[in-house]
Amino acid sequence: MEILDICDEKGLPTGEIVDRDIAHRDGILHRTAHVWVVKRTAAGYDVLLQKRSMDKESFPGLYDTSSAGHIPAGEEPVPSALRELEEELGIAAEPEDLVFAGMFRIQYEEEFHGKPFRDNEVTSVYVYHKPVEIENLSLQTSEVDEVRWFDVEEVYREIQSTRERFCVPTEGLMVLRDYLSRQEHYMEGFRPEY
């Protein structure tokens, strides 16, 4: 049993708690933390996406955020994000390795494995920039089948028309794109002029 804080629209705990299964059965608002692992390329940025295990309760077999998870009751987003990053991918990061990029809301209702799934979350988004080699990762096989690098813009374009490969939340990817755009703008001021 996983116990979560019920939260308000800003992601602040209300003081009430709920079992994760009940939160997803009834669509009760709760908190999650997402980490996007990125690397700079000649063309822009690549993002590391995990292919969800076929046993996952939602979106089995699709590529999703680098690392994501529910924030247990009484815990803050950063420790939760760090734990999920290590559990799912084997990346042992420090709090200063995560850059806060923003927040967004997820709310949808679908059916998976023959039962309704009502997701209602406020998500804290973090970016991890340190070098990552796929072959050095230790994947949590109960959660993750594989990981791959994808061009951020390619993923964004594809999810506008189809969800055959990716289940990344559009709003979460937009938070990441906005963050990377701000980084590019900031770095423009430090590039030498010739």
C-alpha atoms as a PDB file:
ATOM      1  CA  MET A   1       0.000   0.000   0.000  1.00  0.00           C
ATOM      2  CA  GLU A   2       1.372   3.403  -1.030  1.00  0.00           C
ATOM      3  CA  ILE A   3       0.004   6.408   0.904  1.00  0.00           C
ATOM      4  CA  LEU A   4      -0.069   9.825  -0.799  1.00  0.00           C
ATOM      5  CA  ASP A   5      -0.858  13.354   0.341  1.00  0.00           C
ATOM      6  CA  ILE A   6      -4.063  14.767  -1.108  1.00  0.00           C
ATOM      7  CA  CYS A   7      -3.085  18.192  -2.427  1.00  0.00           C
ATOM      8  CA  ASP A   8      -4.652  21.400  -3.677  1.00  0.00           C
ATOM      9  CA  GLU A   9      -4.336  22.857  -7.184  1.00  0.00           C
ATOM     10  CA  LYS A  10      -0.939  24.362  -6.298  1.00  0.00           C
ATOM     11  CA  GLY A  11       0.431  21.008  -5.169  1.00  0.00           C
ATOM     12  CA  LEU A  12       0.276  21.834  -1.468  1.00  0.00           C
ATOM     13  CA  PRO A  13      -0.757  18.989   0.858  1.00  0.00           C
ATOM     14  CA  THR A  14      -4.181  19.501   2.448  1.00  0.00           C
ATOM     15  CA  GLY A  15      -3.398  17.386   5.521  1.00  0.00           C
ATOM     16  CA  GLU A  16      -5.468  14.479   4.221  1.00  0.00           C
ATOM     17  CA  ILE A  17      -3.964  11.264   2.852  1.00  0.00           C
ATOM     18  CA  VAL A  18      -5.130   8.601   0.398  1.00  0.00           C
ATOM     19  CA  ASP A  19      -4.033   5.176  -0.798  1.00  0.00           C
ATOM     20  CA  ARG A  20      -2.557   5.357  -4.316  1.00  0.00           C
ATOM     21  CA  ASP A  21      -5.006   2.793  -5.696  1.00  0.00           C
ATOM     22  CA  ILE A  22      -7.962   4.780  -4.359  1.00  0.00           C
ATOM     23  CA  ALA A  23      -6.497   8.037  -5.726  1.00  0.00           C
ATOM     24  CA  HIS A  24      -6.386   6.477  -9.205  1.00  0.00           C
ATOM     25  CA  ARG A  25      -9.754   4.774  -8.843  1.00  0.00           C
ATOM     26  CA  ASP A  26     -11.528   7.976  -7.759  1.00  0.00           C
ATOM     27  CA  GLY A  27      -9.379  10.643  -9.461  1.00  0.00           C
ATOM     28  CA  ILE A  28      -8.211  12.285  -6.207  1.00  0.00           C
ATOM     29  CA  LEU A  29      -5.654  15.076  -6.647  1.00  0.00           C
ATOM     30  CA  HIS A  30      -2.142  14.073  -5.510  1.00  0.00           C
ATOM     31  CA  ARG A  31       1.525  14.907  -6.202  1.00  0.00           C
ATOM     32  CA  THR A  32       4.198  13.428  -8.461  1.00  0.00           C
ATOM     33  CA  ALA A  33       7.783  14.331  -9.393  1.00  0.00           C
ATOM     34  CA  HIS A  34       9.245  13.956 -12.893  1.00  0.00           C
ATOM     35  CA  VAL A  35      12.904  14.072 -13.913  1.00  0.00           C
ATOM     36  CA  TRP A  36      13.977  14.656 -17.517  1.00  0.00           C
ATOM     37  CA  VAL A  37      17.525  13.471 -18.278  1.00  0.00           C
ATOM     38  CA  VAL A  38      18.875  15.582 -21.141  1.00  0.00           C
ATOM     39  CA  LYS A  39      22.039  16.011 -23.176  1.00  0.00           C
ATOM     40  CA  ARG A  40      23.101  18.742 -25.570  1.00  0.00           C
ATOM     41  CA  THR A  41      23.581  17.716 -29.210  1.00  0.00           C
ATOM     42  CA  ALA A  42      24.656  19.553 -32.341  1.00  0.00           C
ATOM     43  CA  ALA A  43      20.973  19.791 -33.331  1.00  0.00           C
ATOM     44  CA  GLY A  44      19.575  20.814 -29.930  1.00  0.00           C
ATOM     45  CA  TYR A  45      18.748  18.471 -27.042  1.00  0.00           C
ATOM     46  CA  ASP A  46      18.110  14.780 -26.640  1.00  0.00           C
ATOM     47  CA  VAL A  47      16.029  13.413 -23.797  1.00  0.00           C
ATOM     48  CA  LEU A  48      16.384   9.956 -22.259  1.00  0.00           C
ATOM     49  CA  LEU A  49      13.017   8.182 -22.232  1.00  0.00           C
ATOM     50  CA  GLN A  50      12.133   4.938 -20.487  1.00  0.00           C
ATOM     51  CA  LYS A  51       9.984   2.270 -22.118  1.00  0.00           C
ATOM     52  CA  ARG A  52       7.386   1.311 -19.540  1.00  0.00           C
ATOM     53  CA  SER A  53       7.169  -2.341 -18.530  1.00  0.00           C
ATOM     54  CA  MET A  54       4.269  -4.297 -19.992  1.00  0.00           C
ATOM     55  CA  ASP A  55       3.151  -4.898 -16.384  1.00  0.00           C
ATOM     56  CA  LYS A  56       2.661  -1.190 -15.605  1.00  0.00           C
ATOM     57  CA  GLU A  57      -0.851  -0.194 -14.510  1.00  0.00           C
ATOM     58  CA  SER A  58      -0.983   2.551 -17.157  1.00  0.00           C
ATOM     59  CA  PHE A  59       0.491   2.963 -20.662  1.00  0.00           C
ATOM     60  CA  PRO A  60       2.402  -0.349 -20.733  1.00  0.00           C
ATOM     61  CA  GLY A  61       5.069  -0.606 -23.449  1.00  0.00           C
ATOM     62  CA  LEU A  62       5.185   3.123 -24.293  1.00  0.00           C
ATOM     63  CA  TYR A  63       8.073   5.558 -23.890  1.00  0.00           C
ATOM     64  CA  ASP A  64       7.659   7.945 -20.978  1.00  0.00           C
ATOM     65  CA  THR A  65       9.465  10.616 -18.952  1.00  0.00           C
ATOM     66  CA  SER A  66      13.056   9.695 -17.985  1.00  0.00           C
ATOM     67  CA  SER A  67      12.014   9.023 -14.396  1.00  0.00           C
ATOM     68  CA  ALA A  68       8.781   9.720 -12.553  1.00  0.00           C
ATOM     69  CA  GLY A  69       6.956   8.723  -9.444  1.00  0.00           C
ATOM     70  CA  HIS A  70       4.397   9.516  -6.813  1.00  0.00           C
ATOM     71  CA  ILE A  71       5.494  11.594  -3.834  1.00  0.00           C
ATOM     72  CA  PRO A  72       4.783   9.612  -0.652  1.00  0.00           C
ATOM     73  CA  ALA A  73       2.781  11.293   2.094  1.00  0.00           C
ATOM     74  CA  GLY A  74       4.979  13.570   4.196  1.00  0.00           C
ATOM     75  CA  GLU A  75       7.799  13.712   1.636  1.00  0.00           C
ATOM     76  CA  GLU A  76       8.968  16.652  -0.471  1.00  0.00           C
ATOM     77  CA  PRO A  77       9.370  16.534  -4.282  1.00  0.00           C
ATOM     78  CA  VAL A  78      13.199  16.576  -4.493  1.00  0.00           C
ATOM     79  CA  PRO A  79      13.876  13.522  -2.294  1.00  0.00           C
ATOM     80  CA  SER A  80      11.139  11.668  -4.163  1.00  0.00           C
ATOM     81  CA  ALA A  81      12.613  12.635  -7.551  1.00  0.00           C
ATOM     82  CA  LEU A  82      16.106  11.539  -6.455  1.00  0.00           C
ATOM     83  CA  ARG A  83      14.826   8.195  -5.165  1.00  0.00           C
ATOM     84  CA  GLU A  84      12.888   7.433  -8.364  1.00  0.00           C
ATOM     85  CA  LEU A  85      15.900   8.375 -10.510  1.00  0.00           C
ATOM     86  CA  GLU A  86      18.059   5.905  -8.604  1.00  0.00           C
ATOM     87  CA  GLU A  87      15.433   3.154  -8.361  1.00  0.00           C
ATOM     88  CA  GLU A  88      14.340   3.267 -11.999  1.00  0.00           C
ATOM     89  CA  LEU A  89      17.617   4.106 -13.778  1.00  0.00           C
ATOM     90  CA  GLY A  90      20.386   3.552 -11.229  1.00  0.00           C
ATOM     91  CA  ILE A  91      21.441   7.228 -11.303  1.00  0.00           C
ATOM     92  CA  ALA A  92      22.634   8.270  -7.839  1.00  0.00           C
ATOM     93  CA  ALA A  93      22.173  12.040  -7.958  1.00  0.00           C
ATOM     94  CA  GLU A  94      22.463  14.782  -5.344  1.00  0.00           C
ATOM     95  CA  PRO A  95      19.835  17.504  -4.761  1.00  0.00           C
ATOM     96  CA  GLU A  96      22.058  20.073  -6.492  1.00  0.00           C
ATOM     97  CA  ASP A  97      22.098  17.873  -9.641  1.00  0.00           C
ATOM     98  CA  LEU A  98      18.388  18.534 -10.220  1.00  0.00           C
ATOM     99  CA  VAL A  99      17.228  21.843 -11.652  1.00  0.00           C
ATOM    100  CA  PHE A 100      13.604  22.789 -10.988  1.00  0.00           C
ATOM    101  CA  ALA A 101      11.927  23.577 -14.318  1.00  0.00           C
ATOM    102  CA  GLY A 102       8.313  24.162 -13.265  1.00  0.00           C
ATOM    103  CA  MET A 103       5.021  22.442 -12.483  1.00  0.00           C
ATOM    104  CA  PHE A 104       2.027  21.212 -14.444  1.00  0.00           C
ATOM    105  CA  ARG A 105      -1.299  19.399 -14.012  1.00  0.00           C
ATOM    106  CA  ILE A 106      -2.190  15.966 -15.337  1.00  0.00           C
ATOM    107  CA  GLN A 107      -5.834  14.960 -15.478  1.00  0.00           C
ATOM    108  CA  TYR A 108      -7.288  12.173 -17.604  1.00  0.00           C
ATOM    109  CA  GLU A 109      -9.375   9.032 -17.442  1.00  0.00           C
ATOM    110  CA  GLU A 110      -8.585   5.852 -19.398  1.00  0.00           C
ATOM    111  CA  GLU A 111      -9.000   2.113 -19.082  1.00  0.00           C
ATOM    112  CA  PHE A 112      -6.001  -0.188 -18.651  1.00  0.00           C
ATOM    113  CA  HIS A 113      -6.034  -3.961 -18.070  1.00  0.00           C
ATOM    114  CA  GLY A 114      -9.836  -3.848 -18.039  1.00  0.00           C
ATOM    115  CA  LYS A 115     -10.281  -1.330 -15.211  1.00  0.00           C
ATOM    116  CA  PRO A 116     -10.717   2.460 -15.062  1.00  0.00           C
ATOM    117  CA  PHE A 117      -7.695   4.618 -14.280  1.00  0.00           C
ATOM    118  CA  ARG A 118      -8.346   8.231 -13.256  1.00  0.00           C
ATOM    119  CA  ASP A 119      -5.164  10.271 -12.980  1.00  0.00           C
ATOM    120  CA  ASN A 120      -5.294  13.654 -11.265  1.00  0.00           C
ATOM    121  CA  GLU A 121      -1.856  15.027 -10.379  1.00  0.00           C
ATOM    122  CA  VAL A 122       0.172  18.146  -9.727  1.00  0.00           C
ATOM    123  CA  THR A 123       3.662  17.420 -10.992  1.00  0.00           C
ATOM    124  CA  SER A 124       6.995  19.026 -10.066  1.00  0.00           C
ATOM    125  CA  VAL A 125       9.435  18.894 -12.993  1.00  0.00           C
ATOM    126  CA  TYR A 126      13.223  18.625 -12.686  1.00  0.00           C
ATOM    127  CA  VAL A 127      16.021  18.452 -15.264  1.00  0.00           C
ATOM    128  CA  TYR A 128      19.210  16.392 -14.901  1.00  0.00           C
ATOM    129  CA  HIS A 129      22.119  17.536 -17.106  1.00  0.00           C
ATOM    130  CA  LYS A 130      25.012  15.314 -16.013  1.00  0.00           C
ATOM    131  CA  PRO A 131      26.460  12.867 -18.581  1.00  0.00           C
ATOM    132  CA  VAL A 132      24.607   9.541 -18.786  1.00  0.00           C
ATOM    133  CA  GLU A 133      25.703   6.450 -20.700  1.00  0.00           C
ATOM    134  CA  ILE A 134      22.845   4.026 -21.318  1.00  0.00           C
ATOM    135  CA  GLU A 135      25.085   0.975 -21.004  1.00  0.00           C
ATOM    136  CA  ASN A 136      26.041   2.044 -17.455  1.00  0.00           C
ATOM    137  CA  LEU A 137      22.459   2.328 -16.204  1.00  0.00           C
ATOM    138  CA  SER A 138      20.878  -0.212 -13.887  1.00  0.00           C
ATOM    139  CA  LEU A 139      17.224  -0.411 -14.920  1.00  0.00           C
ATOM    140  CA  GLN A 140      14.441  -1.428 -12.543  1.00  0.00           C
ATOM    141  CA  THR A 141      13.117  -4.280 -14.671  1.00  0.00           C
ATOM    142  CA  SER A 142       9.714  -4.361 -12.953  1.00  0.00           C
ATOM    143  CA  GLU A 143       9.156  -0.762 -14.136  1.00  0.00           C
ATOM    144  CA  VAL A 144      11.404  -0.191 -17.167  1.00  0.00           C
ATOM    145  CA  ASP A 145      11.981  -2.412 -20.222  1.00  0.00           C
ATOM    146  CA  GLU A 146      14.629  -0.196 -21.859  1.00  0.00           C
ATOM    147  CA  VAL A 147      15.782   3.405 -22.304  1.00  0.00           C
ATOM    148  CA  ARG A 148      16.635   5.377 -25.446  1.00  0.00           C
ATOM    149  CA  TRP A 149      17.714   8.874 -26.383  1.00  0.00           C
ATOM    150  CA  PHE A 150      15.236  10.858 -28.491  1.00  0.00           C
ATOM    151  CA  ASP A 151      15.419  14.363 -29.934  1.00  0.00           C
ATOM    152  CA  VAL A 152      13.161  16.552 -27.783  1.00  0.00           C
ATOM    153  CA  GLU A 153      11.577  18.266 -30.783  1.00  0.00           C
ATOM    154  CA  GLU A 154      10.980  14.950 -32.576  1.00  0.00           C
ATOM    155  CA  VAL A 155       9.061  13.663 -29.554  1.00  0.00           C
ATOM    156  CA  TYR A 156       7.075  16.903 -29.306  1.00  0.00           C
ATOM    157  CA  ARG A 157       6.109  16.802 -32.997  1.00  0.00           C
ATOM    158  CA  GLU A 158       5.093  13.142 -32.869  1.00  0.00           C
ATOM    159  CA  ILE A 159       2.858  13.419 -29.807  1.00  0.00           C
ATOM    160  CA  GLN A 160       0.862  16.169 -31.539  1.00  0.00           C
ATOM    161  CA  SER A 161      -0.527  13.595 -33.971  1.00  0.00           C
ATOM    162  CA  THR A 162      -0.105  10.107 -32.489  1.00  0.00           C
ATOM    163  CA  ARG A 163       0.459   8.277 -29.229  1.00  0.00           C
ATOM    164  CA  GLU A 164       1.679   5.010 -30.718  1.00  0.00           C
ATOM    165  CA  ARG A 165       5.199   5.216 -29.197  1.00  0.00           C
ATOM    166  CA  PHE A 166       5.109   7.884 -26.506  1.00  0.00           C
ATOM    167  CA  CYS A 167       2.966   8.520 -23.441  1.00  0.00           C
ATOM    168  CA  VAL A 168       5.006  11.478 -22.179  1.00  0.00           C
ATOM    169  CA  PRO A 169       2.624  14.141 -20.855  1.00  0.00           C
ATOM    170  CA  THR A 170       2.388  17.001 -23.361  1.00  0.00           C
ATOM    171  CA  GLU A 171       2.349  19.600 -20.573  1.00  0.00           C
ATOM    172  CA  GLY A 172       5.444  18.078 -18.970  1.00  0.00           C
ATOM    173  CA  LEU A 173       7.325  18.097 -22.262  1.00  0.00           C
ATOM    174  CA  MET A 174       6.288  21.740 -22.741  1.00  0.00           C
ATOM    175  CA  VAL A 175       7.757  22.602 -19.316  1.00  0.00           C
ATOM    176  CA  LEU A 176      11.003  20.909 -20.409  1.00  0.00           C
ATOM    177  CA  ARG A 177      11.045  22.704 -23.794  1.00  0.00           C
ATOM    178  CA  ASP A 178      10.428  26.077 -22.120  1.00  0.00           C
ATOM    179  CA  TYR A 179      13.250  25.397 -19.662  1.00  0.00           C
ATOM    180  CA  LEU A 180      15.669  24.385 -22.458  1.00  0.00           C
ATOM    181  CA  SER A 181      14.683  27.456 -24.472  1.00  0.00           C
ATOM    182  CA  ARG A 182      15.474  29.689 -21.475  1.00  0.00           C
ATOM    183  CA  GLN A 183      18.834  27.923 -21.118  1.00  0.00           C
ATOM    184  CA  GLU A 184      19.641  28.582 -24.768  1.00  0.00           C
ATOM    185  CA  HIS A 185      18.679  32.244 -24.434  1.00  0.00           C
ATOM    186  CA  TYR A 186      20.789  32.577 -21.272  1.00  0.00           C
ATOM    187  CA  MET A 187      23.810  30.930 -22.907  1.00  0.00           C
ATOM    188  CA  GLU A 188      23.597  33.297 -25.901  1.00  0.00           C
ATOM    189  CA  GLY A 189      25.009  36.012 -23.648  1.00  0.00           C
ATOM    190  CA  PHE A 190      28.139  33.925 -22.968  1.00  0.00           C
ATOM    191  CA  ARG A 191      29.047  32.941 -26.505  1.00  0.00           C
ATOM    192  CA  PRO A 192      32.060  34.780 -27.951  1.00  0.00           C
ATOM    193  CA  GLU A 193      31.432  37.035 -30.927  1.00  0.00           C
ATOM    194  CA  TYR A 194      33.654  36.654 -33.975  1.00  0.00           C
END
